[in-house]
Protein backbone atom coordinates (compact mmCIF):
# COMPACT_ATOMS: atom_id res chain seq x y z
CA UNK A 1 -34.02 -190.12 -24.65
CA UNK A 2 -31.65 -189.17 -21.65
CA UNK A 3 -30.95 -186.57 -19.28
CA UNK A 4 -30.60 -183.36 -20.85
CA UNK A 5 -33.30 -184.02 -24.09
CA UNK A 6 -36.26 -184.70 -21.14
CA UNK A 7 -34.84 -181.80 -18.79
CA UNK A 8 -35.08 -179.86 -22.25
CA UNK A 9 -38.03 -180.81 -23.28
CA UNK A 10 -39.99 -180.29 -20.10
CA UNK A 11 -37.99 -176.88 -19.33
CA UNK A 12 -39.28 -176.13 -23.68
CA UNK A 13 -42.77 -176.85 -22.81
CA UNK A 14 -43.56 -175.30 -19.80
CA UNK A 15 -41.16 -172.17 -21.01
CA UNK A 16 -43.76 -171.49 -24.05
CA UNK A 17 -46.86 -172.49 -21.61
CA UNK A 18 -46.11 -170.03 -19.12
CA UNK A 19 -45.57 -167.28 -21.74
CA UNK A 20 -48.69 -165.21 -23.03
CA UNK A 21 -46.65 -163.81 -25.74
CA UNK A 22 -46.61 -167.54 -27.56
CA UNK A 23 -50.29 -168.17 -29.06
CA UNK A 24 -51.98 -171.48 -26.99
CA UNK A 25 -51.64 -172.59 -30.70
CA UNK A 26 -48.53 -173.46 -30.98
CA UNK A 27 -48.31 -175.57 -28.03
CA UNK A 28 -49.54 -178.09 -30.30
CA UNK A 29 -46.57 -178.62 -31.70
CA UNK A 30 -45.24 -181.24 -28.61
CA UNK A 31 -47.98 -183.01 -28.57
CA UNK A 32 -49.04 -185.99 -31.13
CA UNK A 33 -52.30 -185.26 -32.84
CA UNK A 34 -53.82 -188.39 -30.55
CA UNK A 35 -52.37 -186.54 -27.50
CA UNK A 36 -54.35 -187.25 -23.94
CA UNK A 37 -53.64 -185.74 -20.76
CA UNK A 38 -55.25 -187.61 -17.59
CA UNK A 39 -54.56 -184.91 -14.07
CA UNK A 40 -56.50 -185.66 -11.53
CA UNK A 41 -58.83 -187.72 -13.16
CA UNK A 42 -59.84 -185.69 -15.74
CA UNK A 43 -59.01 -186.11 -18.90
CA UNK A 44 -58.75 -183.95 -21.21
CA UNK A 45 -56.97 -184.19 -25.30
CA UNK A 46 -55.20 -182.45 -27.49
CA UNK A 47 -58.16 -179.39 -28.22
CA UNK A 48 -59.37 -179.83 -24.45
CA UNK A 49 -55.65 -179.01 -23.08
CA UNK A 50 -55.46 -176.27 -25.65
CA UNK A 51 -58.92 -174.96 -24.01
CA UNK A 52 -57.23 -175.26 -20.57
CA UNK A 53 -53.90 -173.46 -22.03
CA UNK A 54 -56.02 -170.25 -22.49
CA UNK A 55 -57.97 -170.56 -19.65
CA UNK A 56 -54.66 -170.28 -17.35
CA UNK A 57 -53.62 -167.24 -19.11
CA UNK A 58 -57.30 -166.19 -19.08
CA UNK A 59 -56.61 -166.33 -14.77
CA UNK A 60 -53.19 -166.14 -14.63
CA UNK A 61 -50.57 -162.85 -14.81
CA UNK A 62 -48.11 -164.93 -14.29
CA UNK A 63 -46.59 -168.75 -13.75
CA UNK A 64 -43.19 -170.18 -13.02
CA UNK A 65 -42.57 -173.63 -12.97
CA UNK A 66 -39.41 -175.31 -10.90
CA UNK A 67 -38.80 -178.75 -10.84
CA UNK A 68 -37.60 -181.06 -8.32
CA UNK A 69 -36.87 -184.15 -9.81
CA UNK A 70 -36.92 -185.52 -13.66
CA UNK A 71 -36.63 -188.54 -14.29
CA UNK A 72 -35.90 -190.04 -18.01
CA UNK A 73 -35.81 -194.03 -19.35
CA UNK A 74 -36.71 -195.07 -22.75
CA UNK A 75 -39.68 -192.80 -23.50
CA UNK A 76 -40.73 -191.86 -20.96
CA UNK A 77 -40.08 -188.71 -18.73
CA UNK A 78 -41.34 -188.43 -15.41
CA UNK A 79 -41.03 -185.46 -13.01
CA UNK A 80 -42.50 -183.16 -10.17
CA UNK A 81 -42.31 -179.67 -10.43
CA UNK A 82 -43.95 -177.03 -8.14
CA UNK A 83 -46.52 -173.72 -10.31
CA UNK A 84 -45.67 -171.37 -8.32
CA UNK A 85 -48.64 -167.94 -9.86
CA UNK A 86 -50.70 -165.06 -9.75
CA UNK A 87 -54.27 -165.00 -10.44
CA UNK A 88 -55.64 -161.63 -11.78
CA UNK A 89 -57.91 -160.85 -9.03
CA UNK A 90 -54.33 -160.74 -6.75
CA UNK A 91 -54.19 -164.15 -5.14
CA UNK A 92 -51.29 -166.74 -4.83
CA UNK A 93 -50.90 -170.62 -5.84
CA UNK A 94 -48.51 -173.07 -5.32
CA UNK A 95 -49.18 -176.37 -6.90
CA UNK A 96 -47.18 -179.67 -6.52
CA UNK A 97 -47.70 -182.08 -9.53
CA UNK A 98 -46.77 -185.83 -10.40
CA UNK A 99 -46.02 -186.24 -13.98
CA UNK A 100 -45.34 -188.89 -15.95
CA UNK A 101 -44.59 -188.78 -19.91
CA UNK A 102 -44.39 -190.79 -22.61
CA UNK A 103 -43.25 -189.29 -25.63
CA UNK A 104 -43.96 -190.82 -29.89
CA UNK A 105 -41.23 -189.50 -32.55
CA UNK A 106 -39.85 -186.27 -30.12
CA UNK A 107 -43.37 -185.27 -28.43
CA UNK A 108 -45.21 -185.99 -25.89
CA UNK A 109 -48.12 -188.67 -26.80
CA UNK A 110 -49.84 -188.77 -23.30
CA UNK A 111 -49.16 -187.39 -19.55
CA UNK A 112 -50.74 -188.63 -16.35
CA UNK A 113 -50.77 -186.51 -13.63
CA UNK A 114 -51.84 -185.78 -9.41
CA UNK A 115 -51.65 -181.74 -8.36
CA UNK A 116 -51.85 -180.89 -4.63
CA UNK A 117 -52.52 -177.21 -3.85
CA UNK A 118 -49.64 -176.18 -1.42
CA UNK A 119 -51.07 -172.34 -0.79
CA UNK A 120 -54.43 -171.04 -1.99
CA UNK A 121 -57.99 -171.26 -2.40
CA UNK A 122 -60.45 -174.50 -2.80
CA UNK A 123 -61.34 -173.39 -5.80
CA UNK A 124 -57.95 -173.53 -7.39
CA UNK A 125 -57.80 -177.19 -6.56
CA UNK A 126 -58.47 -177.82 -10.20
CA UNK A 127 -56.67 -175.50 -11.80
CA UNK A 128 -54.40 -178.62 -13.12
CA UNK A 129 -57.52 -179.56 -15.55
CA UNK A 130 -60.09 -176.25 -15.63
CA UNK A 131 -61.64 -175.18 -18.60
CA UNK A 132 -63.39 -171.87 -18.65
CA UNK A 133 -66.83 -172.76 -20.80
CA UNK A 134 -67.20 -170.18 -23.52
CA UNK A 135 -70.99 -167.59 -22.98
């Protein structure tokens, strides 16, 4: 994996994730079927991640991701990025994310990440792994 490929993968992933016009099911194309994501000690599989993406879209009006650092080596990408978002209730949040991505056959098979709420309310500290439970 070279630097440009890593940057393209992450830019494409987050552009799709933050675009409400792209169905959440389409996000699965970025991941292996046995995908695992560990966020702040919470573990999500692929279905859990897709539910998480739907939860974010239900809670947010808009979100943008800016990358501070992306490093690629072999089948691993590491990044630091900032998420800025506006919630449907008008609140604004800013979260710093440090993540390691493992790729297999050109798709992401695992992400381990830590999130830090820089701006926002304490109730949003779990936004990196939150899944709304259907009523």
